[in-house]
Amino acid sequence: MTSLDPAVAARLKRDADGLVPAVVQDATTRDVLMVGWMDDEALHRTLTTGRGTYWSRSRQEYWVKGETSGHVQVVRGVRLDCDGDTLLVTVDQTGGACHTGDTTCFDADQLL
């Protein structure tokens, strides 16, 4: 059972696994840093701790960005899109946001 505000929970449109994509954006530069996944509990933890907390689909566990790497995300804002199926999380990012160490997960391959 999560402690997520029921009014917020009612607005979320989750996938079959109970997850919502979270687009993470740098609060200063507005660069898109990464995309993570949140369920109700991860969103609740993010909102109450001010630290980016996500659900790892591969490890099947919660993770707090920077907990092991030191590349911390201090959350400045969380918005829900008009359809209720995507979150926008604005952060102050310390170090790289990508698991590769890059500033953003979108540095490597520019297709157009």
N, C-alpha and C. Protein backbone atom coordinates (compact mmCIF):
# COMPACT_ATOMS: atom_id res chain seq x y z
N MET A 1 0.84 -1.19 0.00
CA MET A 1 0.00 0.00 0.00
C MET A 1 0.88 1.24 0.00
N THR A 2 0.61 2.15 -0.91
CA THR A 2 1.39 3.37 -1.00
C THR A 2 0.69 4.51 -0.27
N SER A 3 1.45 5.52 0.02
CA SER A 3 0.90 6.71 0.67
C SER A 3 0.70 7.84 -0.33
N LEU A 4 0.74 7.52 -1.64
CA LEU A 4 0.54 8.55 -2.65
C LEU A 4 -0.84 9.16 -2.48
N ASP A 5 -0.91 10.47 -2.59
CA ASP A 5 -2.18 11.19 -2.47
C ASP A 5 -3.19 10.54 -3.42
N PRO A 6 -4.34 10.10 -2.92
CA PRO A 6 -5.34 9.43 -3.75
C PRO A 6 -5.80 10.28 -4.95
N ALA A 7 -5.82 11.60 -4.80
CA ALA A 7 -6.21 12.47 -5.90
C ALA A 7 -5.19 12.41 -7.04
N VAL A 8 -3.90 12.30 -6.69
CA VAL A 8 -2.84 12.16 -7.69
C VAL A 8 -2.92 10.77 -8.31
N ALA A 9 -3.04 9.76 -7.47
CA ALA A 9 -3.10 8.37 -7.95
C ALA A 9 -4.25 8.17 -8.93
N ALA A 10 -5.37 8.82 -8.68
CA ALA A 10 -6.54 8.66 -9.55
C ALA A 10 -6.31 9.24 -10.94
N ARG A 11 -5.39 10.18 -11.06
CA ARG A 11 -5.12 10.81 -12.36
C ARG A 11 -4.12 10.04 -13.20
N LEU A 12 -3.36 9.13 -12.59
CA LEU A 12 -2.32 8.41 -13.32
C LEU A 12 -2.90 7.32 -14.22
N LYS A 13 -2.41 7.28 -15.44
CA LYS A 13 -2.74 6.19 -16.37
C LYS A 13 -1.49 5.34 -16.50
N ARG A 14 -1.52 4.17 -15.86
CA ARG A 14 -0.36 3.30 -15.80
C ARG A 14 -0.39 2.26 -16.90
N ASP A 15 0.79 1.71 -17.22
CA ASP A 15 0.85 0.61 -18.18
C ASP A 15 0.43 -0.68 -17.47
N ALA A 16 0.51 -1.79 -18.16
CA ALA A 16 0.07 -3.07 -17.61
C ALA A 16 0.85 -3.48 -16.36
N ASP A 17 2.06 -2.94 -16.20
CA ASP A 17 2.88 -3.24 -15.02
C ASP A 17 2.70 -2.22 -13.91
N GLY A 18 1.78 -1.28 -14.09
CA GLY A 18 1.52 -0.27 -13.06
C GLY A 18 2.51 0.89 -13.10
N LEU A 19 3.19 1.06 -14.23
CA LEU A 19 4.24 2.07 -14.34
C LEU A 19 3.84 3.23 -15.24
N VAL A 20 4.47 4.39 -14.96
CA VAL A 20 4.30 5.59 -15.76
C VAL A 20 5.71 6.06 -16.14
N PRO A 21 5.95 6.42 -17.42
CA PRO A 21 7.26 6.94 -17.76
C PRO A 21 7.48 8.32 -17.14
N ALA A 22 8.71 8.55 -16.71
CA ALA A 22 9.09 9.83 -16.12
C ALA A 22 10.23 10.42 -16.94
N VAL A 23 9.94 11.49 -17.66
CA VAL A 23 10.95 12.20 -18.43
C VAL A 23 11.65 13.15 -17.45
N VAL A 24 12.97 13.04 -17.37
CA VAL A 24 13.73 13.83 -16.41
C VAL A 24 14.47 14.94 -17.15
N GLN A 25 14.25 16.17 -16.70
CA GLN A 25 14.78 17.36 -17.37
C GLN A 25 15.60 18.19 -16.39
N ASP A 26 16.72 18.72 -16.87
CA ASP A 26 17.54 19.61 -16.05
C ASP A 26 16.77 20.90 -15.80
N ALA A 27 16.65 21.31 -14.55
CA ALA A 27 15.86 22.48 -14.18
C ALA A 27 16.45 23.78 -14.72
N THR A 28 17.75 23.81 -14.96
CA THR A 28 18.40 25.03 -15.43
C THR A 28 18.51 25.07 -16.95
N THR A 29 19.09 24.03 -17.54
CA THR A 29 19.35 24.02 -18.99
C THR A 29 18.14 23.57 -19.80
N ARG A 30 17.22 22.87 -19.16
CA ARG A 30 16.04 22.26 -19.79
C ARG A 30 16.39 21.09 -20.70
N ASP A 31 17.65 20.63 -20.65
CA ASP A 31 18.02 19.43 -21.40
C ASP A 31 17.29 18.22 -20.84
N VAL A 32 16.85 17.32 -21.71
CA VAL A 32 16.26 16.06 -21.26
C VAL A 32 17.43 15.15 -20.88
N LEU A 33 17.43 14.69 -19.64
CA LEU A 33 18.55 13.93 -19.11
C LEU A 33 18.36 12.42 -19.26
N MET A 34 17.17 11.95 -18.98
CA MET A 34 16.92 10.51 -18.98
C MET A 34 15.42 10.25 -18.93
N VAL A 35 15.06 9.00 -19.10
CA VAL A 35 13.69 8.55 -18.89
C VAL A 35 13.74 7.40 -17.91
N GLY A 36 12.94 7.49 -16.87
CA GLY A 36 12.84 6.43 -15.89
C GLY A 36 11.38 5.99 -15.78
N TRP A 37 11.14 5.05 -14.91
CA TRP A 37 9.78 4.53 -14.71
C TRP A 37 9.41 4.66 -13.25
N MET A 38 8.18 5.07 -13.00
CA MET A 38 7.68 5.22 -11.64
C MET A 38 6.35 4.49 -11.49
N ASP A 39 6.19 3.84 -10.34
CA ASP A 39 4.88 3.38 -9.93
C ASP A 39 4.42 4.34 -8.84
N ASP A 40 3.30 4.07 -8.21
CA ASP A 40 2.78 4.98 -7.19
C ASP A 40 3.78 5.20 -6.06
N GLU A 41 4.43 4.12 -5.63
CA GLU A 41 5.37 4.22 -4.51
C GLU A 41 6.60 5.04 -4.89
N ALA A 42 7.15 4.83 -6.09
CA ALA A 42 8.31 5.61 -6.52
C ALA A 42 7.96 7.09 -6.61
N LEU A 43 6.78 7.39 -7.12
CA LEU A 43 6.34 8.79 -7.20
C LEU A 43 6.18 9.36 -5.80
N HIS A 44 5.56 8.61 -4.91
CA HIS A 44 5.40 9.07 -3.52
C HIS A 44 6.76 9.36 -2.89
N ARG A 45 7.72 8.45 -3.06
CA ARG A 45 9.06 8.65 -2.49
C ARG A 45 9.73 9.88 -3.09
N THR A 46 9.58 10.06 -4.40
CA THR A 46 10.16 11.23 -5.06
C THR A 46 9.57 12.52 -4.51
N LEU A 47 8.26 12.55 -4.37
CA LEU A 47 7.58 13.75 -3.88
C LEU A 47 7.92 14.06 -2.43
N THR A 48 8.11 13.03 -1.62
CA THR A 48 8.34 13.27 -0.19
C THR A 48 9.80 13.43 0.19
N THR A 49 10.72 12.87 -0.61
CA THR A 49 12.14 12.97 -0.27
C THR A 49 12.87 14.04 -1.07
N GLY A 50 12.30 14.42 -2.23
CA GLY A 50 12.98 15.37 -3.09
C GLY A 50 14.14 14.77 -3.85
N ARG A 51 14.22 13.45 -3.89
CA ARG A 51 15.26 12.73 -4.63
C ARG A 51 14.59 11.87 -5.69
N GLY A 52 15.17 11.85 -6.91
CA GLY A 52 14.62 11.05 -7.99
C GLY A 52 14.65 9.57 -7.65
N THR A 53 13.46 8.97 -7.51
CA THR A 53 13.33 7.56 -7.15
C THR A 53 12.52 6.86 -8.23
N TYR A 54 13.03 5.75 -8.71
CA TYR A 54 12.46 5.07 -9.88
C TYR A 54 12.30 3.58 -9.61
N TRP A 55 11.53 2.94 -10.48
CA TRP A 55 11.38 1.49 -10.44
C TRP A 55 12.26 0.91 -11.54
N SER A 56 13.17 0.03 -11.17
CA SER A 56 14.03 -0.63 -12.15
C SER A 56 13.30 -1.83 -12.72
N ARG A 57 12.99 -1.78 -14.00
CA ARG A 57 12.30 -2.89 -14.64
C ARG A 57 13.21 -4.11 -14.75
N SER A 58 14.50 -3.89 -14.90
CA SER A 58 15.42 -5.03 -15.05
C SER A 58 15.72 -5.68 -13.70
N ARG A 59 15.89 -4.89 -12.65
CA ARG A 59 16.22 -5.44 -11.33
C ARG A 59 14.99 -5.69 -10.46
N GLN A 60 13.84 -5.14 -10.90
CA GLN A 60 12.60 -5.29 -10.14
C GLN A 60 12.75 -4.77 -8.71
N GLU A 61 13.29 -3.54 -8.62
CA GLU A 61 13.45 -2.90 -7.31
C GLU A 61 13.51 -1.38 -7.48
N TYR A 62 13.27 -0.68 -6.38
CA TYR A 62 13.37 0.77 -6.40
C TYR A 62 14.83 1.18 -6.37
N TRP A 63 15.13 2.31 -7.01
CA TRP A 63 16.47 2.87 -6.92
C TRP A 63 16.38 4.39 -6.86
N VAL A 64 17.24 4.95 -6.05
CA VAL A 64 17.33 6.40 -5.91
C VAL A 64 18.53 6.84 -6.74
N LYS A 65 18.29 7.72 -7.69
CA LYS A 65 19.35 8.18 -8.57
C LYS A 65 20.47 8.78 -7.75
N GLY A 66 21.68 8.25 -7.94
CA GLY A 66 22.86 8.74 -7.25
C GLY A 66 23.20 8.03 -5.97
N GLU A 67 22.36 7.09 -5.56
CA GLU A 67 22.59 6.38 -4.30
C GLU A 67 23.94 5.65 -4.29
N THR A 68 24.31 5.07 -5.42
CA THR A 68 25.61 4.38 -5.48
C THR A 68 26.64 5.17 -6.28
N SER A 69 26.20 5.94 -7.28
CA SER A 69 27.13 6.65 -8.16
C SER A 69 27.53 8.02 -7.63
N GLY A 70 26.69 8.61 -6.77
CA GLY A 70 26.93 9.98 -6.32
C GLY A 70 26.37 11.01 -7.30
N HIS A 71 25.78 10.56 -8.41
CA HIS A 71 25.21 11.45 -9.41
C HIS A 71 23.75 11.74 -9.04
N VAL A 72 23.59 12.56 -8.05
CA VAL A 72 22.32 12.81 -7.37
C VAL A 72 21.39 13.71 -8.17
N GLN A 73 20.11 13.43 -8.06
CA GLN A 73 19.06 14.30 -8.62
C GLN A 73 18.27 14.91 -7.47
N VAL A 74 18.35 16.23 -7.34
CA VAL A 74 17.50 16.95 -6.39
C VAL A 74 16.30 17.43 -7.19
N VAL A 75 15.14 16.97 -6.81
CA VAL A 75 13.92 17.24 -7.57
C VAL A 75 13.42 18.65 -7.27
N ARG A 76 13.18 19.40 -8.34
CA ARG A 76 12.67 20.76 -8.22
C ARG A 76 11.20 20.85 -8.57
N GLY A 77 10.70 19.90 -9.35
CA GLY A 77 9.29 19.91 -9.72
C GLY A 77 8.88 18.62 -10.37
N VAL A 78 7.60 18.29 -10.24
CA VAL A 78 7.03 17.12 -10.90
C VAL A 78 5.69 17.56 -11.50
N ARG A 79 5.52 17.27 -12.79
CA ARG A 79 4.29 17.61 -13.48
C ARG A 79 3.72 16.37 -14.14
N LEU A 80 2.42 16.32 -14.24
CA LEU A 80 1.71 15.25 -14.92
C LEU A 80 1.18 15.82 -16.23
N ASP A 81 1.36 15.09 -17.34
CA ASP A 81 0.88 15.61 -18.62
C ASP A 81 -0.65 15.57 -18.68
N CYS A 82 -1.18 16.18 -19.74
CA CYS A 82 -2.63 16.34 -19.86
C CYS A 82 -3.39 15.02 -19.92
N ASP A 83 -2.76 13.95 -20.39
CA ASP A 83 -3.41 12.65 -20.47
C ASP A 83 -3.21 11.80 -19.21
N GLY A 84 -2.34 12.24 -18.33
CA GLY A 84 -2.09 11.50 -17.10
C GLY A 84 -1.21 10.28 -17.29
N ASP A 85 -0.52 10.21 -18.45
CA ASP A 85 0.26 8.99 -18.71
C ASP A 85 1.78 9.21 -18.78
N THR A 86 2.23 10.43 -18.48
CA THR A 86 3.66 10.71 -18.45
C THR A 86 3.94 11.78 -17.41
N LEU A 87 5.04 11.59 -16.69
CA LEU A 87 5.49 12.57 -15.70
C LEU A 87 6.67 13.34 -16.26
N LEU A 88 6.78 14.61 -15.90
CA LEU A 88 7.94 15.43 -16.19
C LEU A 88 8.56 15.80 -14.86
N VAL A 89 9.80 15.37 -14.66
CA VAL A 89 10.50 15.61 -13.40
C VAL A 89 11.65 16.56 -13.69
N THR A 90 11.62 17.75 -13.09
CA THR A 90 12.73 18.69 -13.26
C THR A 90 13.65 18.57 -12.06
N VAL A 91 14.96 18.53 -12.36
CA VAL A 91 15.94 18.24 -11.32
C VAL A 91 17.16 19.14 -11.43
N ASP A 92 17.87 19.25 -10.31
CA ASP A 92 19.24 19.73 -10.31
C ASP A 92 20.08 18.47 -10.27
N GLN A 93 20.83 18.23 -11.34
CA GLN A 93 21.60 17.00 -11.50
C GLN A 93 23.05 17.25 -11.13
N THR A 94 23.59 16.40 -10.26
CA THR A 94 25.01 16.41 -9.93
C THR A 94 25.65 15.24 -10.66
N GLY A 95 26.64 15.52 -11.51
CA GLY A 95 27.28 14.46 -12.29
C GLY A 95 26.38 14.02 -13.42
N GLY A 96 26.79 12.97 -14.11
CA GLY A 96 26.04 12.48 -15.25
C GLY A 96 24.73 11.84 -14.86
N ALA A 97 23.72 12.05 -15.68
CA ALA A 97 22.42 11.44 -15.42
C ALA A 97 22.34 10.03 -16.01
N CYS A 98 23.13 9.77 -17.06
CA CYS A 98 23.09 8.47 -17.72
C CYS A 98 23.93 7.45 -16.96
N HIS A 99 23.52 6.19 -17.01
CA HIS A 99 24.28 5.14 -16.33
C HIS A 99 25.68 4.96 -16.93
N THR A 100 25.89 5.52 -18.14
CA THR A 100 27.22 5.46 -18.77
C THR A 100 28.15 6.54 -18.22
N GLY A 101 27.58 7.47 -17.46
CA GLY A 101 28.35 8.59 -16.94
C GLY A 101 28.18 9.86 -17.76
N ASP A 102 27.53 9.75 -18.94
CA ASP A 102 27.28 10.93 -19.77
C ASP A 102 26.30 11.87 -19.06
N THR A 103 26.37 13.13 -19.43
CA THR A 103 25.48 14.13 -18.86
C THR A 103 24.03 13.74 -19.06
N THR A 104 23.71 13.30 -20.26
CA THR A 104 22.36 12.91 -20.61
C THR A 104 22.38 11.58 -21.35
N CYS A 105 21.32 10.84 -21.25
CA CYS A 105 21.21 9.56 -21.98
C CYS A 105 21.01 9.79 -23.47
N PHE A 106 20.84 11.03 -23.87
CA PHE A 106 20.56 11.35 -25.27
C PHE A 106 21.76 11.99 -25.97
N ASP A 107 22.98 11.80 -25.46
CA ASP A 107 24.19 12.33 -26.07
C ASP A 107 24.74 11.47 -27.20
N ALA A 108 24.53 10.18 -27.14
CA ALA A 108 25.28 9.25 -27.98
C ALA A 108 24.87 9.24 -29.45
N ASP A 109 23.62 9.10 -29.75
CA ASP A 109 23.19 8.87 -31.13
C ASP A 109 22.18 9.90 -31.60
N GLN A 110 22.67 10.85 -32.38
CA GLN A 110 21.77 11.82 -32.99
C GLN A 110 21.35 11.29 -34.35
N LEU A 111 20.08 11.01 -34.53
CA LEU A 111 19.58 10.39 -35.74
C LEU A 111 19.22 11.38 -36.84
N LEU A 112 18.95 12.60 -36.45
CA LEU A 112 18.59 13.62 -37.46
C LEU A 112 19.13 14.96 -37.03
